[in-house]
Amino acid sequence: MIKIAPSVMCMDLLALGAQIHQLDSMGVDMYHFDVMDGHFVPNISIGAPVVASIKKVCNVPFDVHLMISNPLQYVEDFAKSGADIICFHAESDSDIGQTVDKIISLGKKAAIAVKPGTDIDVVLPYLDKLSMVLVMTVEPGFGGQSFMESTMPKIEKLRKINPDIDIEVDGGVNPETIKIAAKAGANVFVAGSAVFKSENPAKTIKLLKENALSVL
């Protein structure tokens, strides 16, 4: 199933509630929250209180992407805030197996993210416990970067190994690059600039889905 996940980081924070209500009617499948600590990546963004406040007015699943050095320390906070999927980086300082198990013990879906330069094999020992794998198609930390097609072989390999798991891509997704990622085997697409710099976000979301489906 093709899923579009608008990135909250790219929204207008002054009108966040209004944008959420608007997007809910546009066929959005989940919201993607980029959580950055200024250490794992050179930027700082939202925390659990923001996730919790949005959860009060939104029933769409929340995909929380922890770009932080010690995700194990914080997964409980984000689980309590309303995260439905908690994704952390294989390159973080936390033990991968312990972090996956902690997320699942809190009743949430576990996902692992890998940077462009990280071999996809790092997630393979945990696939039977994961709901999703996030393949970064840019270096994590900033929006507006160009899509890295060199990451597609990782998606192709993972899709051959597991035909059913959700494979998410994050970075540089637009109506053209989404076709490349979907053809490789991705089915969940984080959309930031493509949606929020569009004059017609609803039309763009519809186009993204249509273009992804066109190559399947």
C-alpha atoms as a PDB file:
ATOM      1  CA  MET A   1       0.000   0.000   0.000  1.00  0.00           C
ATOM      2  CA  ILE A   2       1.339   3.423  -0.988  1.00  0.00           C
ATOM      3  CA  LYS A   3       1.418   5.829   1.965  1.00  0.00           C
ATOM      4  CA  ILE A   4       2.222   9.536   2.016  1.00  0.00           C
ATOM      5  CA  ALA A   5       3.602  10.998   5.245  1.00  0.00           C
ATOM      6  CA  PRO A   6       3.827  14.803   5.270  1.00  0.00           C
ATOM      7  CA  SER A   7       6.730  16.096   7.359  1.00  0.00           C
ATOM      8  CA  VAL A   8       5.650  18.216  10.304  1.00  0.00           C
ATOM      9  CA  MET A   9       9.092  19.884  10.278  1.00  0.00           C
ATOM     10  CA  CYS A  10       8.162  21.566   6.989  1.00  0.00           C
ATOM     11  CA  MET A  11       4.836  22.926   8.207  1.00  0.00           C
ATOM     12  CA  ASP A  12       4.178  26.494   9.296  1.00  0.00           C
ATOM     13  CA  LEU A  13       4.419  26.208  13.075  1.00  0.00           C
ATOM     14  CA  LEU A  14       2.331  29.368  13.521  1.00  0.00           C
ATOM     15  CA  ALA A  15      -0.565  27.621  11.767  1.00  0.00           C
ATOM     16  CA  LEU A  16       0.162  24.027  12.737  1.00  0.00           C
ATOM     17  CA  GLY A  17      -3.318  23.176  13.973  1.00  0.00           C
ATOM     18  CA  ALA A  18      -4.995  24.621  10.894  1.00  0.00           C
ATOM     19  CA  GLN A  19      -2.616  22.796   8.557  1.00  0.00           C
ATOM     20  CA  ILE A  20      -3.201  19.493  10.328  1.00  0.00           C
ATOM     21  CA  HIS A  21      -6.968  19.871   9.965  1.00  0.00           C
ATOM     22  CA  GLN A  22      -6.536  20.777   6.299  1.00  0.00           C
ATOM     23  CA  LEU A  23      -4.238  17.832   5.552  1.00  0.00           C
ATOM     24  CA  ASP A  24      -6.518  15.346   7.316  1.00  0.00           C
ATOM     25  CA  SER A  25      -9.002  15.769   4.474  1.00  0.00           C
ATOM     26  CA  MET A  26      -6.396  15.242   1.729  1.00  0.00           C
ATOM     27  CA  GLY A  27      -5.792  11.510   2.003  1.00  0.00           C
ATOM     28  CA  VAL A  28      -2.762  11.726   4.290  1.00  0.00           C
ATOM     29  CA  ASP A  29      -1.815   8.291   5.649  1.00  0.00           C
ATOM     30  CA  MET A  30       0.428   9.367   8.536  1.00  0.00           C
ATOM     31  CA  TYR A  31       2.399  12.331   9.831  1.00  0.00           C
ATOM     32  CA  HIS A  32       6.190  12.215  10.006  1.00  0.00           C
ATOM     33  CA  PHE A  33       7.858  13.897  12.973  1.00  0.00           C
ATOM     34  CA  ASP A  34      11.586  14.609  12.727  1.00  0.00           C
ATOM     35  CA  VAL A  35      13.068  14.737  16.218  1.00  0.00           C
ATOM     36  CA  MET A  36      16.630  16.126  16.274  1.00  0.00           C
ATOM     37  CA  ASP A  37      18.857  16.654  19.291  1.00  0.00           C
ATOM     38  CA  GLY A  38      21.629  18.856  17.904  1.00  0.00           C
ATOM     39  CA  HIS A  39      24.117  16.071  18.583  1.00  0.00           C
ATOM     40  CA  PHE A  40      23.299  13.097  16.379  1.00  0.00           C
ATOM     41  CA  VAL A  41      22.500  15.614  13.666  1.00  0.00           C
ATOM     42  CA  PRO A  42      23.548  19.298  13.589  1.00  0.00           C
ATOM     43  CA  ASN A  43      20.078  20.685  14.127  1.00  0.00           C
ATOM     44  CA  ILE A  44      17.431  20.850  16.862  1.00  0.00           C
ATOM     45  CA  SER A  45      13.706  20.367  16.318  1.00  0.00           C
ATOM     46  CA  ILE A  46      10.533  19.393  18.143  1.00  0.00           C
ATOM     47  CA  GLY A  47      10.158  17.151  21.194  1.00  0.00           C
ATOM     48  CA  ALA A  48       7.530  14.968  22.833  1.00  0.00           C
ATOM     49  CA  PRO A  49       5.315  17.864  24.072  1.00  0.00           C
ATOM     50  CA  VAL A  50       4.706  19.006  20.485  1.00  0.00           C
ATOM     51  CA  VAL A  51       3.780  15.467  19.433  1.00  0.00           C
ATOM     52  CA  ALA A  52       1.389  15.219  22.383  1.00  0.00           C
ATOM     53  CA  SER A  53      -0.298  18.539  21.591  1.00  0.00           C
ATOM     54  CA  ILE A  54      -0.951  17.585  17.969  1.00  0.00           C
ATOM     55  CA  LYS A  55      -2.221  14.144  18.992  1.00  0.00           C
ATOM     56  CA  LYS A  56      -5.096  15.829  20.819  1.00  0.00           C
ATOM     57  CA  VAL A  57      -6.564  17.039  17.517  1.00  0.00           C
ATOM     58  CA  CYS A  58      -5.485  14.315  15.098  1.00  0.00           C
ATOM     59  CA  ASN A  59      -6.319  10.636  14.606  1.00  0.00           C
ATOM     60  CA  VAL A  60      -3.911   9.954  11.722  1.00  0.00           C
ATOM     61  CA  PRO A  61      -1.004   7.666  12.762  1.00  0.00           C
ATOM     62  CA  PHE A  62       2.167   9.396  13.936  1.00  0.00           C
ATOM     63  CA  ASP A  63       5.512   8.243  12.528  1.00  0.00           C
ATOM     64  CA  VAL A  64       8.175   9.612  14.895  1.00  0.00           C
ATOM     65  CA  HIS A  65      11.728   9.598  13.518  1.00  0.00           C
ATOM     66  CA  LEU A  66      14.289   9.925  16.315  1.00  0.00           C
ATOM     67  CA  MET A  67      17.483  11.467  14.958  1.00  0.00           C
ATOM     68  CA  ILE A  68      19.023  11.479  18.414  1.00  0.00           C
ATOM     69  CA  SER A  69      22.106   9.924  19.978  1.00  0.00           C
ATOM     70  CA  ASN A  70      20.368   7.923  22.707  1.00  0.00           C
ATOM     71  CA  PRO A  71      16.888   6.920  21.525  1.00  0.00           C
ATOM     72  CA  LEU A  72      16.523   4.200  24.162  1.00  0.00           C
ATOM     73  CA  GLN A  73      16.415   6.905  26.822  1.00  0.00           C
ATOM     74  CA  TYR A  74      13.522   8.704  25.143  1.00  0.00           C
ATOM     75  CA  VAL A  75      11.274   6.100  23.516  1.00  0.00           C
ATOM     76  CA  GLU A  76       8.988   5.973  26.547  1.00  0.00           C
ATOM     77  CA  ASP A  77       8.428   9.746  26.411  1.00  0.00           C
ATOM     78  CA  PHE A  78       7.443   9.572  22.759  1.00  0.00           C
ATOM     79  CA  ALA A  79       5.278   6.500  23.284  1.00  0.00           C
ATOM     80  CA  LYS A  80       3.349   8.391  25.970  1.00  0.00           C
ATOM     81  CA  SER A  81       3.096  11.467  23.729  1.00  0.00           C
ATOM     82  CA  GLY A  82       1.122   9.557  21.105  1.00  0.00           C
ATOM     83  CA  ALA A  83       3.654   8.122  18.667  1.00  0.00           C
ATOM     84  CA  ASP A  84       2.316   5.104  16.775  1.00  0.00           C
ATOM     85  CA  ILE A  85       5.574   4.202  15.014  1.00  0.00           C
ATOM     86  CA  ILE A  86       8.903   4.956  16.686  1.00  0.00           C
ATOM     87  CA  CYS A  87      11.861   4.929  14.331  1.00  0.00           C
ATOM     88  CA  PHE A  88      15.467   5.279  15.498  1.00  0.00           C
ATOM     89  CA  HIS A  89      18.810   5.180  13.754  1.00  0.00           C
ATOM     90  CA  ALA A  90      20.976   2.089  13.534  1.00  0.00           C
ATOM     91  CA  GLU A  91      23.942   4.470  13.836  1.00  0.00           C
ATOM     92  CA  SER A  92      22.835   5.823  17.241  1.00  0.00           C
ATOM     93  CA  ASP A  93      24.572   4.997  20.519  1.00  0.00           C
ATOM     94  CA  SER A  94      21.717   2.834  21.830  1.00  0.00           C
ATOM     95  CA  ASP A  95      21.764  -0.948  21.543  1.00  0.00           C
ATOM     96  CA  ILE A  96      19.593  -1.791  18.533  1.00  0.00           C
ATOM     97  CA  GLY A  97      17.996  -4.928  19.947  1.00  0.00           C
ATOM     98  CA  GLN A  98      17.206  -3.348  23.322  1.00  0.00           C
ATOM     99  CA  THR A  99      15.687  -0.295  21.664  1.00  0.00           C
ATOM    100  CA  VAL A 100      13.484  -2.370  19.353  1.00  0.00           C
ATOM    101  CA  ASP A 101      12.286  -4.476  22.286  1.00  0.00           C
ATOM    102  CA  LYS A 102      11.571  -1.371  24.388  1.00  0.00           C
ATOM    103  CA  ILE A 103       9.435   0.170  21.667  1.00  0.00           C
ATOM    104  CA  ILE A 104       7.433  -3.022  21.227  1.00  0.00           C
ATOM    105  CA  SER A 105       7.007  -3.442  24.999  1.00  0.00           C
ATOM    106  CA  LEU A 106       5.334  -0.031  25.055  1.00  0.00           C
ATOM    107  CA  GLY A 107       2.765  -1.199  22.513  1.00  0.00           C
ATOM    108  CA  LYS A 108       4.222   0.739  19.597  1.00  0.00           C
ATOM    109  CA  LYS A 109       5.491  -0.286  16.172  1.00  0.00           C
ATOM    110  CA  ALA A 110       9.273  -0.352  15.851  1.00  0.00           C
ATOM    111  CA  ALA A 111      11.257   0.930  12.873  1.00  0.00           C
ATOM    112  CA  ILE A 112      14.954   1.356  12.157  1.00  0.00           C
ATOM    113  CA  ALA A 113      16.446   4.097   9.970  1.00  0.00           C
ATOM    114  CA  VAL A 114      19.726   3.932   8.078  1.00  0.00           C
ATOM    115  CA  LYS A 115      21.765   6.818   6.691  1.00  0.00           C
ATOM    116  CA  PRO A 116      22.734   6.844   2.993  1.00  0.00           C
ATOM    117  CA  GLY A 117      26.167   5.406   3.743  1.00  0.00           C
ATOM    118  CA  THR A 118      24.994   2.606   6.055  1.00  0.00           C
ATOM    119  CA  ASP A 119      24.674  -0.954   4.751  1.00  0.00           C
ATOM    120  CA  ILE A 120      21.112  -2.260   4.904  1.00  0.00           C
ATOM    121  CA  ASP A 121      22.415  -5.521   6.375  1.00  0.00           C
ATOM    122  CA  VAL A 122      22.488  -3.850   9.792  1.00  0.00           C
ATOM    123  CA  VAL A 123      18.685  -4.147  10.069  1.00  0.00           C
ATOM    124  CA  LEU A 124      18.372  -7.743   8.873  1.00  0.00           C
ATOM    125  CA  PRO A 125      18.724  -9.440  12.304  1.00  0.00           C
ATOM    126  CA  TYR A 126      15.698  -7.484  13.541  1.00  0.00           C
ATOM    127  CA  LEU A 127      13.343  -7.720  10.561  1.00  0.00           C
ATOM    128  CA  ASP A 128      10.964 -10.149  12.237  1.00  0.00           C
ATOM    129  CA  LYS A 129      10.265  -7.523  14.924  1.00  0.00           C
ATOM    130  CA  LEU A 130      10.099  -4.435  12.733  1.00  0.00           C
ATOM    131  CA  SER A 131       7.043  -2.853  11.153  1.00  0.00           C
ATOM    132  CA  MET A 132       9.082  -0.553   8.945  1.00  0.00           C
ATOM    133  CA  VAL A 133      12.576   0.301   7.745  1.00  0.00           C
ATOM    134  CA  LEU A 134      13.460   3.877   6.819  1.00  0.00           C
ATOM    135  CA  VAL A 135      16.075   4.301   4.104  1.00  0.00           C
ATOM    136  CA  MET A 136      17.329   7.886   4.201  1.00  0.00           C
ATOM    137  CA  THR A 137      17.637   9.336   0.706  1.00  0.00           C
ATOM    138  CA  VAL A 138      19.476  12.407   2.020  1.00  0.00           C
ATOM    139  CA  GLU A 139      21.834  12.951   4.941  1.00  0.00           C
ATOM    140  CA  PRO A 140      19.631  13.394   8.031  1.00  0.00           C
ATOM    141  CA  GLY A 141      19.299  16.742   9.719  1.00  0.00           C
ATOM    142  CA  PHE A 142      18.044  19.278   7.178  1.00  0.00           C
ATOM    143  CA  GLY A 143      15.173  19.589   4.724  1.00  0.00           C
ATOM    144  CA  GLY A 144      15.420  20.627   1.096  1.00  0.00           C
ATOM    145  CA  GLN A 145      18.271  18.301   0.063  1.00  0.00           C
ATOM    146  CA  SER A 146      18.462  16.456  -3.260  1.00  0.00           C
ATOM    147  CA  PHE A 147      17.279  12.855  -3.540  1.00  0.00           C
ATOM    148  CA  MET A 148      20.137  10.320  -3.577  1.00  0.00           C
ATOM    149  CA  GLU A 149      19.313   7.658  -6.155  1.00  0.00           C
ATOM    150  CA  SER A 150      22.432   5.749  -5.055  1.00  0.00           C
ATOM    151  CA  THR A 151      20.441   4.463  -2.060  1.00  0.00           C
ATOM    152  CA  MET A 152      17.978   2.508  -4.201  1.00  0.00           C
ATOM    153  CA  PRO A 153      19.905  -0.816  -4.191  1.00  0.00           C
ATOM    154  CA  LYS A 154      19.339  -0.998  -0.426  1.00  0.00           C
ATOM    155  CA  ILE A 155      15.591  -0.766  -0.962  1.00  0.00           C
ATOM    156  CA  GLU A 156      15.695  -3.372  -3.727  1.00  0.00           C
ATOM    157  CA  LYS A 157      17.638  -5.790  -1.523  1.00  0.00           C
ATOM    158  CA  LEU A 158      15.338  -5.319   1.456  1.00  0.00           C
ATOM    159  CA  ARG A 159      12.198  -5.740  -0.640  1.00  0.00           C
ATOM    160  CA  LYS A 160      13.480  -9.038  -2.036  1.00  0.00           C
ATOM    161  CA  ILE A 161      14.186 -10.290   1.478  1.00  0.00           C
ATOM    162  CA  ASN A 162      10.830  -9.150   2.898  1.00  0.00           C
ATOM    163  CA  PRO A 163       7.975  -8.507   0.447  1.00  0.00           C
ATOM    164  CA  ASP A 164       5.599  -7.338   3.193  1.00  0.00           C
ATOM    165  CA  ILE A 165       7.467  -4.875   5.407  1.00  0.00           C
ATOM    166  CA  ASP A 166       6.871  -1.149   4.995  1.00  0.00           C
ATOM    167  CA  ILE A 167       9.908   0.546   3.437  1.00  0.00           C
ATOM    168  CA  GLU A 168       9.990   4.288   3.929  1.00  0.00           C
ATOM    169  CA  VAL A 169      12.110   6.889   2.149  1.00  0.00           C
ATOM    170  CA  ASP A 170      12.828  10.323   3.535  1.00  0.00           C
ATOM    171  CA  GLY A 171      14.551  13.132   1.661  1.00  0.00           C
ATOM    172  CA  GLY A 172      14.099  14.797  -1.698  1.00  0.00           C
ATOM    173  CA  VAL A 173      10.780  13.099  -2.455  1.00  0.00           C
ATOM    174  CA  ASN A 174       8.867  14.827  -5.251  1.00  0.00           C
ATOM    175  CA  PRO A 175       6.534  13.698  -8.063  1.00  0.00           C
ATOM    176  CA  GLU A 176       9.494  12.439 -10.119  1.00  0.00           C
ATOM    177  CA  THR A 177      11.770  10.895  -7.491  1.00  0.00           C
ATOM    178  CA  ILE A 178       8.844   9.062  -5.899  1.00  0.00           C
ATOM    179  CA  LYS A 179       8.632   6.952  -9.051  1.00  0.00           C
ATOM    180  CA  ILE A 180      12.277   5.923  -8.685  1.00  0.00           C
ATOM    181  CA  ALA A 181      11.822   4.933  -5.041  1.00  0.00           C
ATOM    182  CA  ALA A 182       8.518   3.131  -5.628  1.00  0.00           C
ATOM    183  CA  LYS A 183      10.002   1.136  -8.493  1.00  0.00           C
ATOM    184  CA  ALA A 184      12.841   0.067  -6.184  1.00  0.00           C
ATOM    185  CA  GLY A 185      10.313  -1.206  -3.645  1.00  0.00           C
ATOM    186  CA  ALA A 186       9.542   1.644  -1.251  1.00  0.00           C
ATOM    187  CA  ASN A 187       5.915   2.199  -0.280  1.00  0.00           C
ATOM    188  CA  VAL A 188       5.989   4.912   2.414  1.00  0.00           C
ATOM    189  CA  PHE A 189       7.102   8.374   1.367  1.00  0.00           C
ATOM    190  CA  VAL A 190       7.952  11.329   3.579  1.00  0.00           C
ATOM    191  CA  ALA A 191       6.984  14.503   1.744  1.00  0.00           C
ATOM    192  CA  GLY A 192       8.151  17.864   3.003  1.00  0.00           C
ATOM    193  CA  SER A 193       9.044  20.624   0.558  1.00  0.00           C
ATOM    194  CA  ALA A 194       7.111  18.946  -2.268  1.00  0.00           C
ATOM    195  CA  VAL A 195       3.843  19.360  -0.340  1.00  0.00           C
ATOM    196  CA  PHE A 196       4.347  22.526   1.667  1.00  0.00           C
ATOM    197  CA  LYS A 197       5.946  24.597  -1.078  1.00  0.00           C
ATOM    198  CA  SER A 198       3.187  23.547  -3.449  1.00  0.00           C
ATOM    199  CA  GLU A 199       0.423  25.960  -4.385  1.00  0.00           C
ATOM    200  CA  ASN A 200      -2.040  23.076  -4.083  1.00  0.00           C
ATOM    201  CA  PRO A 201      -0.995  20.545  -1.398  1.00  0.00           C
ATOM    202  CA  ALA A 202      -4.032  18.323  -1.989  1.00  0.00           C
ATOM    203  CA  LYS A 203      -3.265  18.034  -5.689  1.00  0.00           C
ATOM    204  CA  THR A 204       0.395  17.322  -4.925  1.00  0.00           C
ATOM    205  CA  ILE A 205      -0.424  14.531  -2.462  1.00  0.00           C
ATOM    206  CA  LYS A 206      -2.766  12.968  -5.023  1.00  0.00           C
ATOM    207  CA  LEU A 207      -0.084  13.257  -7.722  1.00  0.00           C
ATOM    208  CA  LEU A 208       2.542  11.674  -5.481  1.00  0.00           C
ATOM    209  CA  LYS A 209       0.323   8.650  -4.904  1.00  0.00           C
ATOM    210  CA  GLU A 210      -0.583   8.363  -8.554  1.00  0.00           C
ATOM    211  CA  ASN A 211       3.039   8.558  -9.665  1.00  0.00           C
ATOM    212  CA  ALA A 212       4.129   5.929  -7.158  1.00  0.00           C
ATOM    213  CA  LEU A 213       1.378   3.580  -8.298  1.00  0.00           C
ATOM    214  CA  SER A 214       2.206   4.173 -11.967  1.00  0.00           C
ATOM    215  CA  VAL A 215       5.472   2.217 -11.751  1.00  0.00           C
ATOM    216  CA  LEU A 216       4.130  -0.802  -9.866  1.00  0.00           C
END
